[in-house]
Amino acid sequence: MKYDVVVIGGGPSGLMAAISAAEMGSRTLLLEKGNKLGNKLAISGGGRCNVTNRLPQDELIKHIPGNGKFLYGPLSVFDNYDIIEFFENLGVALKEEDHGRMFPVSNSAKSVVDTLINKLEKLNVAIRINTPVQDISYGDSFHTINLKSEEKIETRSLVIAVGGKSVPHTGSTGDGYKWAKEAGHTITELYPTEVALTSKVKFIENKTLQGLSLRDVALSVLNENNKPIVTHQMDMIFTHFGISGPAVLRCSQYVVKEIMKGKKEVKMHIDARPDINERDLLNEMTQLIEENPKRLVKNTFKGIVPERYLMYILERNDVSDDLKCGNLRKETLQNILEDIKHFIFNVNGSLSIEKAFVTGGGVSTKEIIPKTMGSKLTERLYFCGEILDIHGYTGGYNITSAFVTGRLAGTNAAYSAY
């Protein structure tokens, strides 16, 4: 059977690519190896589907540290505001939440997925689920998709939108890298991003702080000179294996890259009170001590940081439960302050790429035409979504990249099919 455009992969970028190709009048087929479309979209944003982010373009790019600058070209054609308009035109009302994140008013990812599937059906896109691809033969006039069932499908233009290797239960198992290589493309080294970090320090192995959340802390990754590589001010949580939470996910790629360079451990720095400078906090704590000489230290400092974190810091500095403020040495106070503002510990790695939210690395953007998403090496071949070496922070940035690149890939695959 022959098609104008075949899209492989039913995730965010593949759905957008298939819709875009069909809107151009192309006879379009969407292939998905799983038993339903939009798996990754359905779990995004905690099941609410963070469809995009409405930050200005430069701010948006800053939140896509993995080759985000490549997206200046695609965004000049179809941007995050176009995504908002696209969904609203389909009847999906959106609302803005913190940091520009855009969600459906329904708070339901399923409503977004269902709307996209309904659009595919209205456009007469042929949809085949439970249809895994074995390999692809690239040709001058047609590309041939060889299914695992041994059926062959010919297409003028091909869009590969099969994702990376993260969250494999949604179908992203890295299948597309082999097909990209066979078309002559470079696959840059793959690694986990937006991933929890592991540590072997004593307080982690002893589970001393397991389950403790720190709100709005400044978490930094330090280089060998103890200078911050990156800092993110968000929430974090201590786990039985290390650390996780929004601040950790955003810092994770920088840790992973340091370890990829051969480092066995990387230093992390927590400022538990980024809202106040060191001198002012010292003055505040000193005043509390002077006003309450007979009060227990542990009770006097309550509220400065979460109680469990405070108790750990006090224990770490040999402050007994019955120590009174009048007996607290200035040197010990300084050490407590140091731990509140400059708590440093080592991490030694991350969870696996399969347990990461996003895949780093992929098809080299140097080999992709930015305004079409077409291959520079093979005619009528297009890539979109997470298979590309583009990755952003959580918060609607990766889905924005998927929708933008999917839109261009589908549209231009249709153009080149004629």
Protein backbone atom coordinates (compact mmCIF):
# COMPACT_ATOMS: atom_id res chain seq x y z
CA MET A 1 0.00 0.00 0.00
CA LYS A 2 1.28 3.50 -0.86
CA TYR A 3 0.87 6.75 1.05
CA ASP A 4 1.97 10.34 0.59
CA VAL A 5 3.11 10.59 4.21
CA VAL A 6 3.67 7.97 6.88
CA VAL A 7 4.27 9.05 10.48
CA ILE A 8 5.81 6.47 12.80
CA GLY A 9 4.98 7.13 16.47
CA GLY A 10 1.74 8.19 18.13
CA GLY A 11 3.14 10.50 20.79
CA PRO A 12 2.75 14.31 20.91
CA SER A 13 5.01 15.04 17.94
CA GLY A 14 3.64 12.17 15.86
CA LEU A 15 0.01 13.17 16.44
CA MET A 16 0.80 16.76 15.46
CA ALA A 17 2.79 15.64 12.41
CA ALA A 18 -0.01 13.38 11.15
CA ILE A 19 -2.64 16.11 11.61
CA SER A 20 -0.41 18.67 9.86
CA ALA A 21 0.31 16.40 6.90
CA ALA A 22 -3.37 15.53 6.47
CA GLU A 23 -4.38 19.19 6.65
CA MET A 24 -2.20 19.71 3.58
CA GLY A 25 -4.31 17.16 1.72
CA SER A 26 -1.83 14.28 1.92
CA ARG A 27 -2.93 10.68 2.13
CA THR A 28 -1.50 10.02 5.60
CA LEU A 29 -0.88 6.93 7.70
CA LEU A 30 -0.03 7.00 11.41
CA LEU A 31 1.71 3.89 12.76
CA GLU A 32 1.90 3.13 16.50
CA LYS A 33 3.42 -0.05 17.93
CA GLY A 34 1.42 0.20 21.18
CA ASN A 35 -2.27 -0.42 21.73
CA LYS A 36 -3.29 3.24 21.89
CA LEU A 37 -2.22 6.71 20.80
CA GLY A 38 -0.97 9.52 23.02
CA ASN A 39 0.37 7.44 25.92
CA LYS A 40 3.05 9.93 26.94
CA LEU A 41 0.70 12.86 26.43
CA ALA A 42 -1.86 11.18 28.70
CA ILE A 43 0.53 11.11 31.67
CA SER A 44 2.11 14.52 31.11
CA GLY A 45 1.60 17.26 33.69
CA GLY A 46 0.56 14.71 36.29
CA GLY A 47 -2.28 13.51 34.08
CA ARG A 48 -3.46 17.07 33.37
CA CYS A 49 -1.35 17.60 30.22
CA ASN A 50 0.82 20.70 30.29
CA VAL A 51 0.33 21.41 26.55
CA THR A 52 2.80 24.32 26.31
CA ASN A 53 4.23 27.32 28.11
CA ARG A 54 3.40 30.89 27.20
CA LEU A 55 6.71 32.49 28.20
CA PRO A 56 8.28 34.85 25.63
CA GLN A 57 10.44 33.08 23.07
CA ASP A 58 13.84 33.91 24.60
CA GLU A 59 12.65 32.75 28.03
CA LEU A 60 11.20 29.62 26.50
CA ILE A 61 14.53 28.77 24.86
CA LYS A 62 16.37 29.30 28.18
CA HIS A 63 14.23 26.50 29.61
CA ILE A 64 15.36 24.13 26.85
CA PRO A 65 19.07 23.79 27.73
CA GLY A 66 19.60 20.86 25.36
CA ASN A 67 20.11 22.55 21.97
CA GLY A 68 17.20 24.91 22.56
CA LYS A 69 18.73 27.51 20.25
CA PHE A 70 18.04 25.16 17.33
CA LEU A 71 14.35 25.90 17.93
CA TYR A 72 14.64 29.59 16.99
CA GLY A 73 14.12 28.52 13.36
CA PRO A 74 11.09 26.27 13.95
CA LEU A 75 9.55 28.78 16.39
CA SER A 76 9.71 31.46 13.71
CA VAL A 77 7.25 29.32 11.73
CA PHE A 78 5.06 27.82 14.47
CA ASP A 79 5.49 28.86 18.09
CA ASN A 80 4.03 28.31 21.56
CA TYR A 81 1.31 30.90 20.96
CA ASP A 82 0.35 29.03 17.78
CA ILE A 83 0.05 25.86 19.88
CA ILE A 84 -2.40 27.65 22.18
CA GLU A 85 -4.41 28.85 19.18
CA PHE A 86 -4.29 25.37 17.61
CA PHE A 87 -5.87 23.75 20.67
CA GLU A 88 -8.40 26.50 21.26
CA ASN A 89 -9.51 26.19 17.62
CA LEU A 90 -10.09 22.49 18.30
CA GLY A 91 -12.33 23.43 21.24
CA VAL A 92 -9.80 22.73 24.00
CA ALA A 93 -10.05 25.70 26.37
CA LEU A 94 -6.73 26.40 28.11
CA LYS A 95 -5.78 28.15 31.34
CA GLU A 96 -2.48 29.59 32.51
CA GLU A 97 -0.90 28.49 35.77
CA ASP A 98 2.38 29.32 37.52
CA HIS A 99 5.48 30.05 35.42
CA GLY A 100 3.41 30.30 32.21
CA ARG A 101 2.34 26.66 32.16
CA MET A 102 -0.76 26.07 30.02
CA PHE A 103 -3.27 23.35 30.94
CA PRO A 104 -6.68 22.38 29.60
CA VAL A 105 -9.50 23.90 31.66
CA SER A 106 -10.81 20.33 31.99
CA ASN A 107 -7.61 19.36 33.90
CA SER A 108 -7.74 16.18 31.84
CA ALA A 109 -4.94 14.93 29.60
CA LYS A 110 -7.43 12.44 28.16
CA SER A 111 -9.53 15.30 26.78
CA VAL A 112 -6.47 16.59 24.89
CA VAL A 113 -5.60 13.15 23.51
CA ASP A 114 -9.22 12.46 22.52
CA THR A 115 -9.44 15.82 20.72
CA LEU A 116 -6.31 15.08 18.68
CA ILE A 117 -7.56 11.59 17.78
CA ASN A 118 -10.93 13.04 16.74
CA LYS A 119 -9.09 15.51 14.51
CA LEU A 120 -7.11 12.68 12.89
CA GLU A 121 -10.34 10.82 12.17
CA LYS A 122 -12.01 13.90 10.67
CA LEU A 123 -9.01 14.33 8.38
CA ASN A 124 -9.28 10.65 7.32
CA VAL A 125 -5.81 9.78 8.61
CA ALA A 126 -5.34 6.02 8.49
CA ILE A 127 -4.42 4.89 12.01
CA ARG A 128 -2.84 1.55 12.77
CA ILE A 129 -2.07 0.62 16.37
CA ASN A 130 -0.31 -2.56 17.53
CA THR A 131 1.83 -2.21 14.40
CA PRO A 132 5.56 -2.36 15.18
CA VAL A 133 8.09 -1.46 12.50
CA GLN A 134 11.01 -3.81 11.83
CA ASP A 135 13.14 -1.56 9.64
CA ILE A 136 13.06 1.02 6.86
CA SER A 137 14.45 0.93 3.31
CA TYR A 138 15.14 4.42 1.98
CA GLY A 139 14.63 4.94 -1.75
CA ASP A 140 14.76 7.66 -4.42
CA SER A 141 11.03 7.70 -5.14
CA PHE A 142 9.55 5.88 -2.15
CA HIS A 143 10.66 4.86 1.34
CA THR A 144 9.58 1.35 2.30
CA ILE A 145 8.51 0.57 5.86
CA ASN A 146 8.95 -3.09 6.69
CA LEU A 147 6.60 -4.09 9.49
CA LYS A 148 7.36 -6.90 11.93
CA SER A 149 4.35 -8.67 10.44
CA GLU A 150 6.39 -8.75 7.18
CA GLU A 151 3.94 -6.39 5.48
CA LYS A 152 5.55 -3.59 3.45
CA ILE A 153 4.25 -0.03 3.23
CA GLU A 154 5.53 2.51 0.70
CA THR A 155 5.46 6.24 1.25
CA ARG A 156 6.71 9.31 -0.56
CA SER A 157 7.61 11.09 2.67
CA LEU A 158 8.40 9.66 6.09
CA VAL A 159 8.25 11.25 9.55
CA ILE A 160 10.01 9.45 12.41
CA ALA A 161 8.46 10.51 15.72
CA VAL A 162 9.12 7.53 17.99
CA GLY A 163 10.58 9.39 21.01
CA GLY A 164 13.71 8.61 22.99
CA LYS A 165 14.40 5.94 25.62
CA SER A 166 12.74 7.50 28.67
CA VAL A 167 9.45 6.27 30.12
CA PRO A 168 9.56 3.09 27.99
CA HIS A 169 6.12 1.87 29.11
CA THR A 170 4.69 4.62 26.87
CA GLY A 171 6.44 3.07 23.87
CA SER A 172 9.66 5.10 23.84
CA THR A 173 12.24 2.34 23.64
CA GLY A 174 14.81 3.89 21.32
CA ASP A 175 13.67 2.12 18.13
CA GLY A 176 14.20 5.15 15.92
CA TYR A 177 17.93 5.59 16.52
CA LYS A 178 18.74 2.54 14.38
CA TRP A 179 16.53 3.82 11.54
CA ALA A 180 18.16 7.27 11.76
CA LYS A 181 21.65 5.73 11.63
CA GLU A 182 20.69 3.72 8.56
CA ALA A 183 19.77 7.02 6.88
CA GLY A 184 23.30 8.28 7.65
CA HIS A 185 22.47 10.30 10.77
CA THR A 186 24.67 10.79 13.81
CA ILE A 187 23.17 9.82 17.18
CA THR A 188 24.78 11.89 19.91
CA GLU A 189 25.43 10.12 23.21
CA LEU A 190 22.20 9.28 25.05
CA TYR A 191 21.81 10.08 28.74
CA PRO A 192 19.04 10.62 31.30
CA THR A 193 17.78 14.15 31.99
CA GLU A 194 15.02 15.38 34.30
CA VAL A 195 15.95 12.44 36.52
CA ALA A 196 16.36 11.73 40.23
CA LEU A 197 19.94 11.61 41.55
CA THR A 198 21.64 8.94 43.64
CA SER A 199 24.01 9.34 46.57
CA LYS A 200 26.02 7.12 48.91
CA VAL A 201 26.56 9.69 51.66
CA LYS A 202 25.85 8.45 55.17
CA PHE A 203 22.62 10.37 55.81
CA ILE A 204 21.14 9.00 52.56
CA GLU A 205 22.21 5.40 53.17
CA ASN A 206 20.91 5.62 56.75
CA LYS A 207 17.64 7.09 55.43
CA THR A 208 17.98 9.87 58.01
CA LEU A 209 16.13 12.43 55.87
CA GLN A 210 14.10 10.06 53.68
CA GLY A 211 10.78 11.62 52.71
CA LEU A 212 11.74 15.14 53.86
CA SER A 213 10.69 17.88 51.45
CA LEU A 214 12.44 21.25 51.37
CA ARG A 215 10.35 24.05 49.88
CA ASP A 216 11.76 26.77 47.65
CA VAL A 217 15.43 26.03 48.33
CA ALA A 218 18.32 27.03 46.07
CA LEU A 219 19.98 23.83 44.83
CA SER A 220 23.30 24.10 42.99
CA VAL A 221 25.63 21.75 41.15
CA LEU A 222 29.23 22.65 42.01
CA ASN A 223 32.35 22.28 39.89
CA GLU A 224 35.74 21.14 41.17
CA ASN A 225 36.42 24.69 42.42
CA ASN A 226 33.18 24.70 44.42
CA LYS A 227 31.63 27.26 42.04
CA PRO A 228 28.03 26.76 40.91
CA ILE A 229 27.57 25.28 37.42
CA VAL A 230 23.84 25.87 37.73
CA THR A 231 21.36 26.85 40.46
CA HIS A 232 17.61 26.25 40.59
CA GLN A 233 15.33 27.63 43.29
CA MET A 234 12.46 25.16 43.67
CA ASP A 235 11.32 22.30 45.90
CA MET A 236 13.27 19.08 46.48
CA ILE A 237 12.89 15.87 48.44
CA PHE A 238 15.29 13.39 50.06
CA THR A 239 14.65 9.77 49.06
CA HIS A 240 15.91 6.34 50.08
CA PHE A 241 18.42 6.42 47.20
CA GLY A 242 19.30 10.15 46.95
CA ILE A 243 17.34 13.25 46.03
CA SER A 244 14.44 14.12 43.75
CA GLY A 245 11.83 16.82 43.17
CA PRO A 246 11.63 19.76 40.73
CA ALA A 247 14.94 21.45 41.68
CA VAL A 248 16.79 18.13 41.43
CA LEU A 249 15.27 17.27 38.04
CA ARG A 250 16.42 20.60 36.64
CA CYS A 251 19.93 20.18 38.02
CA SER A 252 20.21 16.53 37.02
CA GLN A 253 21.53 16.89 33.46
CA TYR A 254 24.47 18.95 34.73
CA VAL A 255 25.35 16.23 37.24
CA VAL A 256 25.01 13.52 34.59
CA LYS A 257 27.27 15.45 32.20
CA GLU A 258 29.95 15.84 34.89
CA ILE A 259 29.85 12.09 35.55
CA MET A 260 30.02 11.42 31.80
CA LYS A 261 33.32 13.33 31.87
CA GLY A 262 34.68 10.70 34.26
CA LYS A 263 33.92 12.16 37.69
CA LYS A 264 32.92 9.61 40.29
CA GLU A 265 31.09 12.13 42.46
CA VAL A 266 29.65 15.62 42.05
CA LYS A 267 29.06 18.15 44.83
CA MET A 268 25.58 19.54 45.46
CA HIS A 269 24.91 22.70 47.49
CA ILE A 270 21.66 23.52 49.31
CA ASP A 271 20.78 26.99 50.51
CA ALA A 272 17.68 26.25 52.61
CA ARG A 273 16.95 29.97 53.07
CA PRO A 274 17.68 31.75 49.77
CA ASP A 275 15.18 34.44 50.79
CA ILE A 276 17.59 35.95 53.36
CA ASN A 277 21.30 36.72 53.17
CA GLU A 278 23.78 35.17 55.57
CA ARG A 279 24.42 38.29 57.65
CA ASP A 280 20.72 38.99 58.21
CA LEU A 281 20.03 35.38 59.12
CA LEU A 282 22.95 35.40 61.60
CA ASN A 283 21.58 38.59 63.18
CA GLU A 284 18.12 37.01 63.42
CA MET A 285 19.45 33.86 65.07
CA THR A 286 21.74 35.82 67.40
CA GLN A 287 18.82 37.97 68.52
CA LEU A 288 16.73 34.87 69.24
CA ILE A 289 19.54 33.47 71.41
CA GLU A 290 20.02 36.71 73.32
CA GLU A 291 16.27 37.06 73.96
CA ASN A 292 15.86 33.41 75.09
CA PRO A 293 18.99 32.39 77.06
CA LYS A 294 17.12 29.75 79.09
CA ARG A 295 15.18 28.27 76.19
CA LEU A 296 16.29 25.10 74.41
CA VAL A 297 18.18 25.74 71.17
CA LYS A 298 16.03 23.24 69.25
CA ASN A 299 12.86 25.12 70.23
CA THR A 300 14.30 28.58 69.67
CA PHE A 301 15.31 27.89 66.06
CA LYS A 302 12.01 26.21 65.13
CA GLY A 303 10.60 27.65 61.92
CA ILE A 304 13.91 28.81 60.47
CA VAL A 305 14.00 25.61 58.40
CA PRO A 306 11.71 22.52 58.48
CA GLU A 307 11.91 20.89 61.91
CA ARG A 308 13.32 17.56 60.75
CA TYR A 309 16.05 19.30 58.75
CA LEU A 310 16.83 21.53 61.74
CA MET A 311 17.13 18.52 64.06
CA TYR A 312 19.54 16.88 61.63
CA ILE A 313 21.67 20.03 61.39
CA LEU A 314 21.74 20.41 65.18
CA GLU A 315 22.73 16.76 65.65
CA ARG A 316 25.40 17.15 62.96
CA ASN A 317 26.85 20.02 64.98
CA ASP A 318 26.72 18.13 68.33
CA VAL A 319 23.93 20.27 69.75
CA SER A 320 22.20 18.10 72.36
CA ASP A 321 18.42 18.08 72.87
CA ASP A 322 18.80 19.75 76.28
CA LEU A 323 21.26 22.50 75.26
CA LYS A 324 20.03 25.98 76.19
CA CYS A 325 20.65 29.09 74.14
CA GLY A 326 22.82 30.67 76.83
CA ASN A 327 25.27 27.77 76.48
CA LEU A 328 25.48 27.77 72.66
CA ARG A 329 28.98 28.68 71.53
CA LYS A 330 29.39 31.33 68.81
CA GLU A 331 31.46 28.90 66.75
CA THR A 332 28.64 26.32 66.86
CA LEU A 333 26.09 28.96 65.87
CA GLN A 334 28.27 29.85 62.88
CA ASN A 335 28.45 26.18 61.88
CA ILE A 336 24.65 25.83 62.12
CA LEU A 337 24.26 28.91 59.94
CA GLU A 338 26.78 27.46 57.48
CA ASP A 339 24.73 24.27 57.17
CA ILE A 340 21.50 26.18 56.64
CA LYS A 341 22.99 28.36 53.91
CA HIS A 342 25.74 26.09 52.53
CA PHE A 343 24.90 22.43 53.00
CA ILE A 344 27.19 20.46 50.70
CA PHE A 345 27.07 16.73 49.94
CA ASN A 346 28.05 14.40 47.11
CA VAL A 347 25.93 12.60 44.57
CA ASN A 348 27.34 9.78 42.49
CA GLY A 349 24.91 9.36 39.61
CA SER A 350 21.27 9.18 38.59
CA LEU A 351 18.53 6.68 38.02
CA SER A 352 18.59 4.98 34.61
CA ILE A 353 17.53 6.62 31.36
CA GLU A 354 14.40 4.45 31.43
CA LYS A 355 13.41 6.07 34.75
CA ALA A 356 14.18 9.61 33.54
CA PHE A 357 11.41 11.92 32.36
CA VAL A 358 13.41 13.00 29.30
CA THR A 359 16.16 11.60 27.07
CA GLY A 360 19.27 13.68 26.46
CA GLY A 361 21.08 13.15 23.16
CA GLY A 362 19.60 11.78 19.95
CA VAL A 363 19.57 12.62 16.24
CA SER A 364 22.08 15.45 15.76
CA THR A 365 20.38 18.77 15.09
CA LYS A 366 23.33 19.69 12.85
CA GLU A 367 21.92 17.25 10.30
CA ILE A 368 18.35 18.64 10.39
CA ILE A 369 16.98 21.65 8.46
CA PRO A 370 15.50 23.86 11.22
CA LYS A 371 12.55 25.37 9.32
CA THR A 372 11.35 22.07 7.83
CA MET A 373 12.69 19.37 10.23
CA GLY A 374 13.89 17.59 7.10
CA SER A 375 17.00 15.44 6.98
CA LYS A 376 20.02 17.06 5.30
CA LEU A 377 21.18 13.57 4.33
CA THR A 378 18.09 11.73 3.03
CA GLU A 379 15.36 13.31 0.94
CA ARG A 380 11.76 13.31 2.17
CA LEU A 381 12.78 12.08 5.64
CA TYR A 382 11.74 14.12 8.68
CA PHE A 383 12.32 13.88 12.41
CA CYS A 384 10.40 15.41 15.29
CA GLY A 385 10.03 15.19 19.05
CA GLU A 386 12.29 13.50 21.58
CA ILE A 387 14.23 11.41 19.06
CA LEU A 388 16.08 14.66 18.29
CA ASP A 389 18.99 15.88 20.40
CA ILE A 390 16.78 18.53 22.03
CA HIS A 391 15.63 18.47 25.63
CA GLY A 392 14.10 20.91 28.07
CA TYR A 393 13.06 21.17 31.67
CA THR A 394 9.68 19.87 32.79
CA GLY A 395 6.97 22.52 32.69
CA GLY A 396 5.62 22.22 29.15
CA TYR A 397 8.94 22.83 27.38
CA ASN A 398 9.49 19.33 25.97
CA ILE A 399 5.90 19.07 24.76
CA THR A 400 6.26 22.51 23.17
CA SER A 401 9.33 21.25 21.30
CA ALA A 402 7.42 18.11 20.28
CA PHE A 403 4.40 20.02 18.95
CA VAL A 404 6.51 22.64 17.15
CA THR A 405 8.83 20.14 15.47
CA GLY A 406 5.88 17.83 14.73
CA ARG A 407 3.97 20.64 13.04
CA LEU A 408 6.89 21.48 10.76
CA ALA A 409 7.76 17.87 10.03
CA GLY A 410 4.20 16.96 9.02
CA THR A 411 3.59 20.06 6.95
CA ASN A 412 6.87 19.77 5.05
CA ALA A 413 6.60 16.01 4.60
CA ALA A 414 3.32 16.74 2.81
CA TYR A 415 4.92 19.45 0.65
CA SER A 416 7.76 17.17 -0.43
CA ALA A 417 5.43 14.27 -1.23
CA TYR A 418 4.30 15.97 -4.45
